[in-house]
């Protein structure tokens, strides 16, 4: 069969999996009632457990001297690079126009 031929009209034969494999209804005997948790074995009524994150806080690292020093230099480098690229582009366009 060549690639330029159009296929014949035929009935749809692809079936979605949801239609081919129907899901049964839920089984009521598998459902359970409300969950009843056991009492606290220590016998203490009020909340007394503490999360480890609250008990043992992680200290912040010490601030480095000059941590923000590199940011202005980076901006200046980007501006200088952008200016050089613009100058190069203008120069190339002027040369192309002169050759015409």
Protein backbone atom coordinates (compact mmCIF):
# COMPACT_ATOMS: atom_id res chain seq x y z
CA UNK A 1 0.00 0.00 0.00
CA UNK A 2 1.53 3.33 -0.97
CA UNK A 3 1.69 6.28 1.41
CA UNK A 4 -0.41 8.52 -0.84
CA UNK A 5 -3.44 6.19 -0.82
CA UNK A 6 -6.32 7.08 1.45
CA UNK A 7 -7.58 4.26 3.68
CA UNK A 8 -10.96 2.70 3.04
CA UNK A 9 -13.87 3.62 5.24
CA UNK A 10 -14.11 1.02 7.96
CA UNK A 11 -15.95 0.84 11.26
CA UNK A 12 -14.15 1.89 14.42
CA UNK A 13 -12.34 -0.99 16.03
CA UNK A 14 -10.32 0.66 18.78
CA UNK A 15 -11.91 0.31 22.21
CA UNK A 16 -10.94 2.28 25.29
CA UNK A 17 -9.67 0.18 28.17
CA UNK A 18 -12.39 1.61 30.39
CA UNK A 19 -14.98 0.12 28.07
CA UNK A 20 -13.19 -3.20 27.62
CA UNK A 21 -12.50 -3.85 31.31
CA UNK A 22 -15.39 -2.66 33.42
CA UNK A 23 -14.75 -2.00 37.11
CA UNK A 24 -17.02 -3.90 39.50
CA UNK A 25 -19.07 -2.13 42.14
CA UNK A 26 -17.44 -1.75 45.59
CA UNK A 27 -17.90 -4.66 47.98
CA UNK A 28 -19.75 -3.45 51.11
CA UNK A 29 -18.26 -6.26 53.21
CA UNK A 30 -14.74 -4.84 52.68
CA UNK A 31 -15.60 -1.49 54.26
CA UNK A 32 -14.74 -0.93 57.88
CA UNK A 33 -16.28 1.29 60.52
CA UNK A 34 -14.68 4.28 62.18
CA UNK A 35 -11.13 3.77 63.44
CA UNK A 36 -10.76 3.85 67.24
CA UNK A 37 -7.23 4.67 68.31
CA UNK A 38 -5.85 3.17 71.53
CA UNK A 39 -5.37 5.34 74.60
CA UNK A 40 -1.94 6.82 75.38
CA UNK A 41 0.10 4.13 77.19
CA UNK A 42 1.63 6.76 79.52
CA UNK A 43 -1.80 7.87 80.74
CA UNK A 44 -1.12 11.58 80.17
CA UNK A 45 -4.24 13.35 78.91
CA UNK A 46 -2.83 16.62 77.47
CA UNK A 47 -0.64 16.66 74.33
CA UNK A 48 2.98 16.01 75.26
CA UNK A 49 4.83 14.87 72.14
CA UNK A 50 7.18 17.42 70.57
CA UNK A 51 8.37 17.34 66.99
CA UNK A 52 12.11 16.90 66.60
CA UNK A 53 12.23 20.06 64.50
CA UNK A 54 10.94 22.06 67.46
CA UNK A 55 13.09 20.28 70.04
CA UNK A 56 16.41 20.40 68.17
CA UNK A 57 16.47 23.52 66.01
CA UNK A 58 19.14 23.72 63.31
CA UNK A 59 21.32 26.81 63.68
CA UNK A 60 21.82 29.09 60.69
CA UNK A 61 25.30 29.10 59.15
CA UNK A 62 27.45 32.13 59.97
CA UNK A 63 27.30 34.99 57.48
CA UNK A 64 30.29 35.14 55.15
CA UNK A 65 32.09 38.41 54.74
CA UNK A 66 31.50 39.82 51.27
CA UNK A 67 28.72 37.38 50.37
CA UNK A 68 26.92 40.09 48.35
CA UNK A 69 30.08 41.42 46.77
CA UNK A 70 29.79 39.51 43.49
CA UNK A 71 26.32 40.77 42.49
CA UNK A 72 27.22 44.31 41.24
CA UNK A 73 30.22 42.99 39.33
CA UNK A 74 28.04 40.45 37.60
CA UNK A 75 25.59 43.16 36.52
CA UNK A 76 28.40 45.36 35.24
CA UNK A 77 29.81 42.43 33.27
CA UNK A 78 26.44 41.75 31.69
CA UNK A 79 26.03 45.41 30.72
CA UNK A 80 29.52 45.53 29.24
CA UNK A 81 28.94 42.30 27.30
CA UNK A 82 25.57 43.51 26.03
CA UNK A 83 27.08 46.81 24.91
CA UNK A 84 29.89 45.04 23.08
CA UNK A 85 27.42 42.74 21.33
CA UNK A 86 25.30 45.71 20.25
CA UNK A 87 28.37 47.56 18.93
CA UNK A 88 29.48 44.48 16.99
CA UNK A 89 26.00 44.09 15.47
CA UNK A 90 25.81 47.75 14.40
CA UNK A 91 29.28 47.56 12.89
CA UNK A 92 28.41 44.41 10.93
CA UNK A 93 25.20 46.02 9.62
CA UNK A 94 27.07 49.16 8.50
CA UNK A 95 29.63 47.05 6.63
CA UNK A 96 26.85 45.10 4.92
CA UNK A 97 25.12 48.32 3.84
CA UNK A 98 28.35 49.81 2.46
CA UNK A 99 28.96 46.74 0.28
CA UNK A 100 25.64 47.19 -1.52
